[in-house]
C-alpha atoms as a PDB file:
ATOM      1  CA  UNK A   1      75.368  97.557  97.371  1.00  0.00           C
ATOM      2  CA  UNK A   2      77.764  99.561  95.208  1.00  0.00           C
ATOM      3  CA  UNK A   3      79.558  97.499  92.558  1.00  0.00           C
ATOM      4  CA  UNK A   4      82.892  98.705  91.239  1.00  0.00           C
ATOM      5  CA  UNK A   5      84.802  96.779  88.585  1.00  0.00           C
ATOM      6  CA  UNK A   6      88.480  97.039  89.432  1.00  0.00           C
ATOM      7  CA  UNK A   7      90.787  95.232  87.011  1.00  0.00           C
ATOM      8  CA  UNK A   8      93.823  96.053  89.178  1.00  0.00           C
ATOM      9  CA  UNK A   9      92.524  93.610  91.790  1.00  0.00           C
ATOM     10  CA  UNK A  10      92.437  90.381  89.821  1.00  0.00           C
ATOM     11  CA  UNK A  11      91.018  87.482  91.822  1.00  0.00           C
ATOM     12  CA  UNK A  12      92.856  84.209  92.256  1.00  0.00           C
ATOM     13  CA  UNK A  13      91.601  81.548  89.825  1.00  0.00           C
ATOM     14  CA  UNK A  14      90.482  78.093  90.833  1.00  0.00           C
ATOM     15  CA  UNK A  15      93.579  75.920  91.465  1.00  0.00           C
ATOM     16  CA  UNK A  16      92.072  72.919  89.658  1.00  0.00           C
ATOM     17  CA  UNK A  17      89.441  72.288  86.982  1.00  0.00           C
ATOM     18  CA  UNK A  18      85.850  72.022  88.196  1.00  0.00           C
ATOM     19  CA  UNK A  19      82.962  70.162  86.536  1.00  0.00           C
ATOM     20  CA  UNK A  20      79.247  70.759  87.094  1.00  0.00           C
ATOM     21  CA  UNK A  21      76.744  67.954  87.302  1.00  0.00           C
ATOM     22  CA  UNK A  22      74.105  69.491  85.070  1.00  0.00           C
ATOM     23  CA  UNK A  23      72.162  68.862  81.900  1.00  0.00           C
ATOM     24  CA  UNK A  24      72.876  65.896  79.697  1.00  0.00           C
ATOM     25  CA  UNK A  25      76.627  65.751  80.228  1.00  0.00           C
ATOM     26  CA  UNK A  26      77.049  61.981  80.390  1.00  0.00           C
ATOM     27  CA  UNK A  27      80.838  62.239  80.665  1.00  0.00           C
ATOM     28  CA  UNK A  28      80.542  63.818  84.137  1.00  0.00           C
ATOM     29  CA  UNK A  29      77.978  61.209  85.208  1.00  0.00           C
ATOM     30  CA  UNK A  30      80.246  58.426  84.015  1.00  0.00           C
ATOM     31  CA  UNK A  31      83.283  59.845  85.825  1.00  0.00           C
ATOM     32  CA  UNK A  32      81.243  60.095  89.032  1.00  0.00           C
ATOM     33  CA  UNK A  33      80.172  56.460  88.747  1.00  0.00           C
ATOM     34  CA  UNK A  34      83.777  55.406  88.164  1.00  0.00           C
ATOM     35  CA  UNK A  35      84.774  57.393  91.268  1.00  0.00           C
ATOM     36  CA  UNK A  36      87.152  59.509  89.190  1.00  0.00           C
ATOM     37  CA  UNK A  37      85.535  62.705  90.484  1.00  0.00           C
ATOM     38  CA  UNK A  38      85.021  63.866  94.062  1.00  0.00           C
ATOM     39  CA  UNK A  39      82.308  66.224  95.313  1.00  0.00           C
ATOM     40  CA  UNK A  40      83.621  69.723  96.090  1.00  0.00           C
ATOM     41  CA  UNK A  41      80.322  71.538  96.652  1.00  0.00           C
ATOM     42  CA  UNK A  42      76.777  70.584  95.811  1.00  0.00           C
ATOM     43  CA  UNK A  43      76.614  69.839  92.092  1.00  0.00           C
ATOM     44  CA  UNK A  44      80.321  70.613  91.488  1.00  0.00           C
ATOM     45  CA  UNK A  45      83.097  68.023  91.188  1.00  0.00           C
ATOM     46  CA  UNK A  46      86.858  67.818  90.719  1.00  0.00           C
ATOM     47  CA  UNK A  47      89.270  65.111  89.641  1.00  0.00           C
ATOM     48  CA  UNK A  48      89.922  63.018  92.734  1.00  0.00           C
ATOM     49  CA  UNK A  49      93.710  62.961  92.542  1.00  0.00           C
ATOM     50  CA  UNK A  50      93.992  66.705  91.904  1.00  0.00           C
ATOM     51  CA  UNK A  51      91.693  67.474  94.841  1.00  0.00           C
ATOM     52  CA  UNK A  52      93.632  65.179  97.191  1.00  0.00           C
ATOM     53  CA  UNK A  53      96.935  66.862  96.275  1.00  0.00           C
ATOM     54  CA  UNK A  54      95.758  70.374  97.158  1.00  0.00           C
ATOM     55  CA  UNK A  55      96.986  72.053 100.368  1.00  0.00           C
ATOM     56  CA  UNK A  56      94.210  73.252 102.726  1.00  0.00           C
ATOM     57  CA  UNK A  57      94.195  76.873 101.542  1.00  0.00           C
ATOM     58  CA  UNK A  58      93.832  75.846  97.895  1.00  0.00           C
ATOM     59  CA  UNK A  59      91.053  73.402  98.778  1.00  0.00           C
ATOM     60  CA  UNK A  60      89.148  76.253 100.356  1.00  0.00           C
ATOM     61  CA  UNK A  61      89.730  78.523  97.340  1.00  0.00           C
ATOM     62  CA  UNK A  62      88.468  75.709  95.099  1.00  0.00           C
ATOM     63  CA  UNK A  63      85.310  75.412  97.219  1.00  0.00           C
ATOM     64  CA  UNK A  64      84.713  79.153  96.851  1.00  0.00           C
ATOM     65  CA  UNK A  65      84.959  78.873  93.068  1.00  0.00           C
ATOM     66  CA  UNK A  66      82.638  75.859  93.134  1.00  0.00           C
ATOM     67  CA  UNK A  67      79.994  77.950  94.914  1.00  0.00           C
ATOM     68  CA  UNK A  68      80.528  80.734  92.357  1.00  0.00           C
ATOM     69  CA  UNK A  69      79.530  78.266  89.631  1.00  0.00           C
ATOM     70  CA  UNK A  70      76.182  77.488  91.264  1.00  0.00           C
ATOM     71  CA  UNK A  71      75.415  80.928  92.775  1.00  0.00           C
ATOM     72  CA  UNK A  72      76.012  83.253  89.852  1.00  0.00           C
ATOM     73  CA  UNK A  73      74.813  86.434  91.602  1.00  0.00           C
ATOM     74  CA  UNK A  74      76.553  85.736  94.892  1.00  0.00           C
ATOM     75  CA  UNK A  75      78.766  88.305  96.625  1.00  0.00           C
ATOM     76  CA  UNK A  76      81.591  86.638  98.511  1.00  0.00           C
ATOM     77  CA  UNK A  77      82.514  87.964 101.956  1.00  0.00           C
ATOM     78  CA  UNK A  78      84.786  87.436 104.982  1.00  0.00           C
ATOM     79  CA  UNK A  79      87.208  84.484 104.673  1.00  0.00           C
ATOM     80  CA  UNK A  80      85.860  83.601 101.223  1.00  0.00           C
ATOM     81  CA  UNK A  81      86.650  87.080  99.919  1.00  0.00           C
ATOM     82  CA  UNK A  82      90.063  86.863 101.576  1.00  0.00           C
ATOM     83  CA  UNK A  83      90.799  83.583  99.782  1.00  0.00           C
ATOM     84  CA  UNK A  84      89.877  85.102  96.408  1.00  0.00           C
ATOM     85  CA  UNK A  85      92.238  88.048  96.958  1.00  0.00           C
ATOM     86  CA  UNK A  86      95.079  86.011  98.470  1.00  0.00           C
ATOM     87  CA  UNK A  87      94.716  87.652 101.884  1.00  0.00           C
ATOM     88  CA  UNK A  88      96.053  85.190 104.493  1.00  0.00           C
ATOM     89  CA  UNK A  89      93.442  83.160 106.335  1.00  0.00           C
ATOM     90  CA  UNK A  90      93.755  80.489 109.001  1.00  0.00           C
ATOM     91  CA  UNK A  91      92.984  76.831 109.060  1.00  0.00           C
ATOM     92  CA  UNK A  92      90.251  74.868 107.338  1.00  0.00           C
ATOM     93  CA  UNK A  93      87.251  77.188 107.164  1.00  0.00           C
ATOM     94  CA  UNK A  94      84.014  75.115 107.212  1.00  0.00           C
ATOM     95  CA  UNK A  95      81.803  77.678 105.455  1.00  0.00           C
ATOM     96  CA  UNK A  96      81.799  79.640 102.231  1.00  0.00           C
ATOM     97  CA  UNK A  97      80.601  83.147 103.134  1.00  0.00           C
ATOM     98  CA  UNK A  98      78.069  85.065 101.029  1.00  0.00           C
ATOM     99  CA  UNK A  99      76.448  88.473 101.521  1.00  0.00           C
ATOM    100  CA  UNK A 100      72.714  89.272 101.450  1.00  0.00           C
ATOM    101  CA  UNK A 101      70.918  92.587 101.942  1.00  0.00           C
ATOM    102  CA  UNK A 102      67.835  91.157 103.668  1.00  0.00           C
ATOM    103  CA  UNK A 103      68.544  90.454 107.389  1.00  0.00           C
ATOM    104  CA  UNK A 104      65.850  87.799 107.325  1.00  0.00           C
ATOM    105  CA  UNK A 105      67.960  85.727 104.940  1.00  0.00           C
ATOM    106  CA  UNK A 106      71.053  85.603 107.155  1.00  0.00           C
ATOM    107  CA  UNK A 107      71.609  81.963 108.002  1.00  0.00           C
ATOM    108  CA  UNK A 108      73.981  79.027 107.858  1.00  0.00           C
ATOM    109  CA  UNK A 109      72.933  76.088 105.737  1.00  0.00           C
ATOM    110  CA  UNK A 110      75.195  73.178 104.879  1.00  0.00           C
ATOM    111  CA  UNK A 111      78.568  74.545 103.794  1.00  0.00           C
ATOM    112  CA  UNK A 112      77.322  78.086 103.046  1.00  0.00           C
ATOM    113  CA  UNK A 113      76.846  80.920 105.537  1.00  0.00           C
ATOM    114  CA  UNK A 114      74.822  83.964 104.489  1.00  0.00           C
ATOM    115  CA  UNK A 115      75.635  87.311 106.124  1.00  0.00           C
ATOM    116  CA  UNK A 116      73.182  90.222 106.180  1.00  0.00           C
ATOM    117  CA  UNK A 117      73.989  93.888 105.777  1.00  0.00           C
ATOM    118  CA  UNK A 118      71.927  97.061 105.766  1.00  0.00           C
ATOM    119  CA  UNK A 119      74.864  99.271 104.767  1.00  0.00           C
ATOM    120  CA  UNK A 120      76.069 100.155 101.315  1.00  0.00           C
ATOM    121  CA  UNK A 121      79.007  97.915 100.546  1.00  0.00           C
ATOM    122  CA  UNK A 122      81.927  98.257  98.147  1.00  0.00           C
ATOM    123  CA  UNK A 123      81.758  95.212  95.869  1.00  0.00           C
ATOM    124  CA  UNK A 124      84.390  94.402  93.262  1.00  0.00           C
ATOM    125  CA  UNK A 125      83.919  92.179  90.239  1.00  0.00           C
ATOM    126  CA  UNK A 126      86.382  90.164  88.207  1.00  0.00           C
ATOM    127  CA  UNK A 127      85.549  87.542  85.612  1.00  0.00           C
ATOM    128  CA  UNK A 128      81.911  87.426  86.659  1.00  0.00           C
ATOM    129  CA  UNK A 129      82.724  86.796  90.330  1.00  0.00           C
ATOM    130  CA  UNK A 130      81.560  89.473  92.800  1.00  0.00           C
ATOM    131  CA  UNK A 131      83.403  89.968  96.064  1.00  0.00           C
ATOM    132  CA  UNK A 132      83.541  92.543  98.834  1.00  0.00           C
ATOM    133  CA  UNK A 133      86.501  94.919  98.546  1.00  0.00           C
ATOM    134  CA  UNK A 134      89.693  94.203 100.518  1.00  0.00           C
ATOM    135  CA  UNK A 135      88.800  97.018 102.940  1.00  0.00           C
ATOM    136  CA  UNK A 136      85.324  95.611 103.602  1.00  0.00           C
ATOM    137  CA  UNK A 137      86.840  92.151 103.981  1.00  0.00           C
ATOM    138  CA  UNK A 138      89.427  93.333 106.511  1.00  0.00           C
ATOM    139  CA  UNK A 139      86.779  95.047 108.648  1.00  0.00           C
ATOM    140  CA  UNK A 140      84.443  92.037 108.528  1.00  0.00           C
ATOM    141  CA  UNK A 141      87.180  89.677 109.648  1.00  0.00           C
ATOM    142  CA  UNK A 142      88.341  92.100 112.349  1.00  0.00           C
ATOM    143  CA  UNK A 143      84.824  92.170 113.774  1.00  0.00           C
ATOM    144  CA  UNK A 144      84.555  88.393 113.863  1.00  0.00           C
ATOM    145  CA  UNK A 145      87.961  86.904 114.568  1.00  0.00           C
ATOM    146  CA  UNK A 146      90.748  86.940 117.137  1.00  0.00           C
ATOM    147  CA  UNK A 147      92.624  90.298 117.112  1.00  0.00           C
ATOM    148  CA  UNK A 148      95.907  88.772 115.941  1.00  0.00           C
ATOM    149  CA  UNK A 149      94.170  86.973 113.084  1.00  0.00           C
ATOM    150  CA  UNK A 150      92.363  90.216 112.280  1.00  0.00           C
ATOM    151  CA  UNK A 151      95.708  92.032 112.158  1.00  0.00           C
ATOM    152  CA  UNK A 152      97.037  89.411 109.763  1.00  0.00           C
ATOM    153  CA  UNK A 153      94.041  89.923 107.464  1.00  0.00           C
ATOM    154  CA  UNK A 154      94.191  93.740 107.654  1.00  0.00           C
ATOM    155  CA  UNK A 155      97.898  93.757 106.812  1.00  0.00           C
ATOM    156  CA  UNK A 156      97.166  91.407 103.925  1.00  0.00           C
ATOM    157  CA  UNK A 157      94.373  93.631 102.606  1.00  0.00           C
ATOM    158  CA  UNK A 158      96.769  96.581 102.489  1.00  0.00           C
ATOM    159  CA  UNK A 159      99.281  94.507 100.526  1.00  0.00           C
ATOM    160  CA  UNK A 160      96.834  93.350  97.852  1.00  0.00           C
ATOM    161  CA  UNK A 161      95.070  96.694  97.277  1.00  0.00           C
ATOM    162  CA  UNK A 162      97.519  99.485  96.393  1.00  0.00           C
ATOM    163  CA  UNK A 163      94.724 102.074  96.628  1.00  0.00           C
ATOM    164  CA  UNK A 164      93.846 101.142 100.209  1.00  0.00           C
ATOM    165  CA  UNK A 165      95.390 103.128 103.063  1.00  0.00           C
ATOM    166  CA  UNK A 166      95.767 102.052 106.683  1.00  0.00           C
ATOM    167  CA  UNK A 167      94.002 105.130 108.153  1.00  0.00           C
ATOM    168  CA  UNK A 168      90.851 104.339 106.158  1.00  0.00           C
ATOM    169  CA  UNK A 169      90.216 101.016 107.911  1.00  0.00           C
ATOM    170  CA  UNK A 170      89.271 102.336 111.390  1.00  0.00           C
ATOM    171  CA  UNK A 171      86.983 104.890 109.768  1.00  0.00           C
ATOM    172  CA  UNK A 172      85.172 102.199 107.778  1.00  0.00           C
ATOM    173  CA  UNK A 173      84.697 100.182 110.952  1.00  0.00           C
ATOM    174  CA  UNK A 174      83.202 103.140 112.820  1.00  0.00           C
ATOM    175  CA  UNK A 175      80.901 104.039 109.920  1.00  0.00           C
ATOM    176  CA  UNK A 176      79.029 100.732 109.964  1.00  0.00           C
ATOM    177  CA  UNK A 177      75.468 101.000 111.290  1.00  0.00           C
ATOM    178  CA  UNK A 178      75.816  97.783 113.254  1.00  0.00           C
ATOM    179  CA  UNK A 179      77.883  97.987 116.431  1.00  0.00           C
ATOM    180  CA  UNK A 180      78.393  94.221 116.594  1.00  0.00           C
ATOM    181  CA  UNK A 181      82.137  93.543 116.723  1.00  0.00           C
ATOM    182  CA  UNK A 182      83.045  97.234 116.364  1.00  0.00           C
ATOM    183  CA  UNK A 183      85.031  97.437 119.592  1.00  0.00           C
ATOM    184  CA  UNK A 184      86.723  94.076 118.938  1.00  0.00           C
ATOM    185  CA  UNK A 185      87.953  95.301 115.538  1.00  0.00           C
ATOM    186  CA  UNK A 186      89.573  98.512 116.760  1.00  0.00           C
ATOM    187  CA  UNK A 187      92.821  97.022 118.080  1.00  0.00           C
ATOM    188  CA  UNK A 188      93.799  95.304 114.825  1.00  0.00           C
ATOM    189  CA  UNK A 189      92.609  97.989 112.421  1.00  0.00           C
ATOM    190  CA  UNK A 190      94.502 100.698 114.304  1.00  0.00           C
ATOM    191  CA  UNK A 191      97.757  98.729 113.850  1.00  0.00           C
ATOM    192  CA  UNK A 192      97.382  97.590 110.244  1.00  0.00           C
ATOM    193  CA  UNK A 193     100.307  98.275 107.923  1.00  0.00           C
ATOM    194  CA  UNK A 194     101.432  97.282 104.452  1.00  0.00           C
ATOM    195  CA  UNK A 195     104.993  96.917 105.772  1.00  0.00           C
ATOM    196  CA  UNK A 196     104.313  93.444 107.216  1.00  0.00           C
ATOM    197  CA  UNK A 197     105.083  91.217 104.251  1.00  0.00           C
ATOM    198  CA  UNK A 198     103.847  87.825 105.480  1.00  0.00           C
ATOM    199  CA  UNK A 199     101.284  86.292 107.796  1.00  0.00           C
ATOM    200  CA  UNK A 200     103.951  85.256 110.305  1.00  0.00           C
ATOM    201  CA  UNK A 201     105.208  88.857 110.496  1.00  0.00           C
ATOM    202  CA  UNK A 202     101.703  90.100 111.305  1.00  0.00           C
ATOM    203  CA  UNK A 203     101.127  87.502 114.013  1.00  0.00           C
ATOM    204  CA  UNK A 204     104.601  88.194 115.403  1.00  0.00           C
ATOM    205  CA  UNK A 205     103.761  91.885 115.736  1.00  0.00           C
ATOM    206  CA  UNK A 206     100.779  91.002 117.935  1.00  0.00           C
ATOM    207  CA  UNK A 207     102.812  88.615 120.068  1.00  0.00           C
ATOM    208  CA  UNK A 208     105.682  91.119 120.472  1.00  0.00           C
ATOM    209  CA  UNK A 209     103.316  93.793 121.767  1.00  0.00           C
ATOM    210  CA  UNK A 210     101.546  91.440 124.167  1.00  0.00           C
ATOM    211  CA  UNK A 211     104.872  90.079 125.449  1.00  0.00           C
ATOM    212  CA  UNK A 212     105.702  93.631 126.553  1.00  0.00           C
ATOM    213  CA  UNK A 213     108.539  94.369 124.121  1.00  0.00           C
ATOM    214  CA  UNK A 214     108.908  97.764 122.406  1.00  0.00           C
ATOM    215  CA  UNK A 215     107.431  98.285 118.970  1.00  0.00           C
ATOM    216  CA  UNK A 216     109.916  97.429 116.196  1.00  0.00           C
ATOM    217  CA  UNK A 217     110.560  99.236 112.946  1.00  0.00           C
ATOM    218  CA  UNK A 218     109.513  97.111 109.955  1.00  0.00           C
ATOM    219  CA  UNK A 219     111.517  96.370 106.811  1.00  0.00           C
ATOM    220  CA  UNK A 220     114.623  98.107 108.117  1.00  0.00           C
ATOM    221  CA  UNK A 221     117.194  98.704 105.333  1.00  0.00           C
ATOM    222  CA  UNK A 222     120.823  97.651 105.710  1.00  0.00           C
ATOM    223  CA  UNK A 223     123.792  96.963 103.430  1.00  0.00           C
ATOM    224  CA  UNK A 224     124.389  93.309 102.599  1.00  0.00           C
ATOM    225  CA  UNK A 225     127.694  91.483 102.317  1.00  0.00           C
ATOM    226  CA  UNK A 226     127.770  92.147  98.566  1.00  0.00           C
ATOM    227  CA  UNK A 227     127.210  95.870  99.046  1.00  0.00           C
ATOM    228  CA  UNK A 228     123.610  95.641  97.885  1.00  0.00           C
ATOM    229  CA  UNK A 229     120.751  97.092  99.913  1.00  0.00           C
ATOM    230  CA  UNK A 230     118.656  94.611 101.889  1.00  0.00           C
ATOM    231  CA  UNK A 231     115.927  94.719 104.535  1.00  0.00           C
ATOM    232  CA  UNK A 232     115.255  93.100 107.889  1.00  0.00           C
ATOM    233  CA  UNK A 233     111.745  92.116 108.965  1.00  0.00           C
ATOM    234  CA  UNK A 234     112.046  93.795 112.370  1.00  0.00           C
ATOM    235  CA  UNK A 235     114.518  96.197 113.916  1.00  0.00           C
ATOM    236  CA  UNK A 236     114.838  97.737 117.376  1.00  0.00           C
ATOM    237  CA  UNK A 237     117.211 100.679 117.610  1.00  0.00           C
ATOM    238  CA  UNK A 238     119.083 101.529 120.806  1.00  0.00           C
ATOM    239  CA  UNK A 239     117.086 104.613 121.782  1.00  0.00           C
ATOM    240  CA  UNK A 240     113.612 103.357 120.962  1.00  0.00           C
ATOM    241  CA  UNK A 241     114.072  99.974 122.653  1.00  0.00           C
ATOM    242  CA  UNK A 242     116.145 101.310 125.583  1.00  0.00           C
ATOM    243  CA  UNK A 243     118.852  98.806 124.752  1.00  0.00           C
ATOM    244  CA  UNK A 244     122.130  98.575 126.603  1.00  0.00           C
ATOM    245  CA  UNK A 245     123.780  97.372 123.413  1.00  0.00           C
ATOM    246  CA  UNK A 246     125.838  99.717 121.238  1.00  0.00           C
ATOM    247  CA  UNK A 247     123.784  98.919 118.170  1.00  0.00           C
ATOM    248  CA  UNK A 248     120.254  97.712 117.478  1.00  0.00           C
ATOM    249  CA  UNK A 249     118.689  94.264 117.169  1.00  0.00           C
ATOM    250  CA  UNK A 250     117.322  92.680 113.999  1.00  0.00           C
ATOM    251  CA  UNK A 251     114.457  90.199 114.066  1.00  0.00           C
ATOM    252  CA  UNK A 252     113.551  87.754 111.306  1.00  0.00           C
ATOM    253  CA  UNK A 253     110.216  85.891 111.187  1.00  0.00           C
ATOM    254  CA  UNK A 254     110.941  82.896 108.980  1.00  0.00           C
ATOM    255  CA  UNK A 255     107.960  81.143 107.399  1.00  0.00           C
ATOM    256  CA  UNK A 256     110.287  78.868 105.384  1.00  0.00           C
ATOM    257  CA  UNK A 257     108.309  79.468 102.186  1.00  0.00           C
ATOM    258  CA  UNK A 258     111.354  80.918 100.464  1.00  0.00           C
ATOM    259  CA  UNK A 259     113.318  77.682 101.010  1.00  0.00           C
ATOM    260  CA  UNK A 260     110.745  75.194  99.705  1.00  0.00           C
ATOM    261  CA  UNK A 261     111.238  75.933  96.002  1.00  0.00           C
ATOM    262  CA  UNK A 262     108.038  77.953  95.620  1.00  0.00           C
ATOM    263  CA  UNK A 263     109.988  80.989  94.409  1.00  0.00           C
ATOM    264  CA  UNK A 264     112.920  79.256  92.755  1.00  0.00           C
ATOM    265  CA  UNK A 265     115.985  77.287  93.850  1.00  0.00           C
ATOM    266  CA  UNK A 266     115.519  76.549  97.553  1.00  0.00           C
ATOM    267  CA  UNK A 267     119.217  75.806  98.149  1.00  0.00           C
ATOM    268  CA  UNK A 268     120.277  79.088  96.553  1.00  0.00           C
ATOM    269  CA  UNK A 269     117.703  80.954  98.648  1.00  0.00           C
ATOM    270  CA  UNK A 270     119.082  79.353 101.809  1.00  0.00           C
ATOM    271  CA  UNK A 271     122.651  80.411 100.943  1.00  0.00           C
ATOM    272  CA  UNK A 272     121.493  83.963 100.164  1.00  0.00           C
ATOM    273  CA  UNK A 273     119.612  84.126 103.452  1.00  0.00           C
ATOM    274  CA  UNK A 274     122.703  82.981 105.350  1.00  0.00           C
ATOM    275  CA  UNK A 275     124.767  85.760 103.768  1.00  0.00           C
ATOM    276  CA  UNK A 276     122.076  88.305 104.586  1.00  0.00           C
ATOM    277  CA  UNK A 277     122.028  87.101 108.194  1.00  0.00           C
ATOM    278  CA  UNK A 278     125.811  87.425 108.480  1.00  0.00           C
ATOM    279  CA  UNK A 279     125.577  91.024 107.218  1.00  0.00           C
ATOM    280  CA  UNK A 280     122.875  91.783 109.793  1.00  0.00           C
ATOM    281  CA  UNK A 281     125.061  90.437 112.582  1.00  0.00           C
ATOM    282  CA  UNK A 282     127.893  92.724 111.528  1.00  0.00           C
ATOM    283  CA  UNK A 283     125.627  95.771 111.679  1.00  0.00           C
ATOM    284  CA  UNK A 284     123.688  95.053 114.872  1.00  0.00           C
ATOM    285  CA  UNK A 285     124.328  93.861 118.414  1.00  0.00           C
ATOM    286  CA  UNK A 286     121.866  91.016 118.162  1.00  0.00           C
ATOM    287  CA  UNK A 287     119.825  88.924 115.733  1.00  0.00           C
ATOM    288  CA  UNK A 288     116.687  87.024 116.658  1.00  0.00           C
ATOM    289  CA  UNK A 289     115.186  84.478 114.281  1.00  0.00           C
ATOM    290  CA  UNK A 290     111.981  82.579 114.851  1.00  0.00           C
ATOM    291  CA  UNK A 291     109.467  80.408 112.992  1.00  0.00           C
ATOM    292  CA  UNK A 292     105.870  79.250 113.430  1.00  0.00           C
ATOM    293  CA  UNK A 293     106.503  77.138 116.572  1.00  0.00           C
ATOM    294  CA  UNK A 294     107.758  80.215 118.455  1.00  0.00           C
ATOM    295  CA  UNK A 295     104.771  82.337 117.391  1.00  0.00           C
ATOM    296  CA  UNK A 296     102.276  79.650 118.378  1.00  0.00           C
ATOM    297  CA  UNK A 297     104.025  79.358 121.767  1.00  0.00           C
ATOM    298  CA  UNK A 298     104.600  83.049 122.619  1.00  0.00           C
ATOM    299  CA  UNK A 299     106.707  82.264 125.685  1.00  0.00           C
ATOM    300  CA  UNK A 300     109.259  80.709 123.337  1.00  0.00           C
ATOM    301  CA  UNK A 301     109.264  83.831 121.178  1.00  0.00           C
ATOM    302  CA  UNK A 302     109.879  85.909 124.290  1.00  0.00           C
ATOM    303  CA  UNK A 303     112.886  83.750 125.143  1.00  0.00           C
ATOM    304  CA  UNK A 304     114.299  84.175 121.626  1.00  0.00           C
ATOM    305  CA  UNK A 305     113.997  87.956 121.808  1.00  0.00           C
ATOM    306  CA  UNK A 306     115.550  88.180 125.271  1.00  0.00           C
ATOM    307  CA  UNK A 307     118.450  85.969 124.157  1.00  0.00           C
ATOM    308  CA  UNK A 308     119.130  88.478 121.362  1.00  0.00           C
ATOM    309  CA  UNK A 309     119.345  91.296 123.926  1.00  0.00           C
ATOM    310  CA  UNK A 310     115.839  92.760 123.812  1.00  0.00           C
ATOM    311  CA  UNK A 311     114.133  93.687 127.079  1.00  0.00           C
ATOM    312  CA  UNK A 312     110.469  94.191 127.995  1.00  0.00           C
ATOM    313  CA  UNK A 313     109.288  97.738 128.671  1.00  0.00           C
ATOM    314  CA  UNK A 314     105.964  96.752 130.260  1.00  0.00           C
ATOM    315  CA  UNK A 315     104.360  93.676 131.847  1.00  0.00           C
ATOM    316  CA  UNK A 316     103.099  91.011 129.444  1.00  0.00           C
ATOM    317  CA  UNK A 317      99.393  90.781 128.656  1.00  0.00           C
ATOM    318  CA  UNK A 318      98.965  87.183 129.797  1.00  0.00           C
ATOM    319  CA  UNK A 319      95.316  86.987 128.785  1.00  0.00           C
ATOM    320  CA  UNK A 320      96.003  88.107 125.222  1.00  0.00           C
ATOM    321  CA  UNK A 321      98.994  85.772 124.945  1.00  0.00           C
ATOM    322  CA  UNK A 322      97.029  82.755 126.126  1.00  0.00           C
ATOM    323  CA  UNK A 323      94.189  83.565 123.727  1.00  0.00           C
ATOM    324  CA  UNK A 324      96.720  83.857 120.871  1.00  0.00           C
ATOM    325  CA  UNK A 325      98.214  80.505 121.779  1.00  0.00           C
ATOM    326  CA  UNK A 326      94.769  78.899 121.873  1.00  0.00           C
ATOM    327  CA  UNK A 327      93.753  80.465 118.559  1.00  0.00           C
ATOM    328  CA  UNK A 328      96.876  79.302 116.734  1.00  0.00           C
ATOM    329  CA  UNK A 329      96.758  75.795 118.139  1.00  0.00           C
ATOM    330  CA  UNK A 330      93.078  75.469 117.255  1.00  0.00           C
ATOM    331  CA  UNK A 331      93.515  76.756 113.708  1.00  0.00           C
ATOM    332  CA  UNK A 332      97.073  76.529 112.438  1.00  0.00           C
ATOM    333  CA  UNK A 333      98.117  79.058 109.784  1.00  0.00           C
ATOM    334  CA  UNK A 334      97.139  77.802 106.363  1.00  0.00           C
ATOM    335  CA  UNK A 335      99.929  79.570 104.526  1.00  0.00           C
ATOM    336  CA  UNK A 336     103.135  81.361 105.667  1.00  0.00           C
END
């Protein structure tokens, strides 16, 4: 495996402090006996209250860092690599994924799954933690997961690695010596883009295509009410979408993260979003807005888009839509 140290791709740190049960550290032993610490991974503990307060995606990231403490030469792969980079993943992943070069060592044991490879792999290192590159991670996930989830991960990989280009992903997939999952991965990797800014936008792109609607432009610029430039998540112009309307249609995939205070004053963000929406309505014939419930029930998303004036240009792919619905209901998105 080729190891490249890339300081531009800093890994996400552990969300909470971890303690190892090792040596003669009586303070850890005492805290365990007093039930102040909870087991995160074998031999690694965290303060019980801090662990309980973590959302699912941060619990998984904490588990990955716990394994890093006890497997110092490990190379993290698949969903575990994605968590370290901040690439969106789904649900509560049961395993931490590690890479080995000997096929005979590939196995699942307890909470760790070992993956074998006979190819040279691009491995990055940060702070003593080794992890497959975002490109390798995107291809691995595309070979293993549902196409819409793979698209979400590929889009995310392009966002976190400024040196990665979309055309390189299909080539990496085809270059692998193993054909397992190669055909499955092609759909998502061929559509990956750094223009999808959130997980819900990526999943929406898959649903829109399978519903039979025309492909939208992403991050369409427009002039806001204050005269400042702004962007819409999706936009269908009259000619491309064969619209009967005089002007195009904007679409907004709303994950609500910008209203919950994560990035500042939630109330102010809501007011700003309302003003932006009013400006969009003045410059287009229709505006469609949807959230996670519409994406996880694609028929509802279709109704939202038709109500805004959009029309299908081909029959829906009912099989793909049902598989998307099943995938999202089985493993709800862990972060918007």
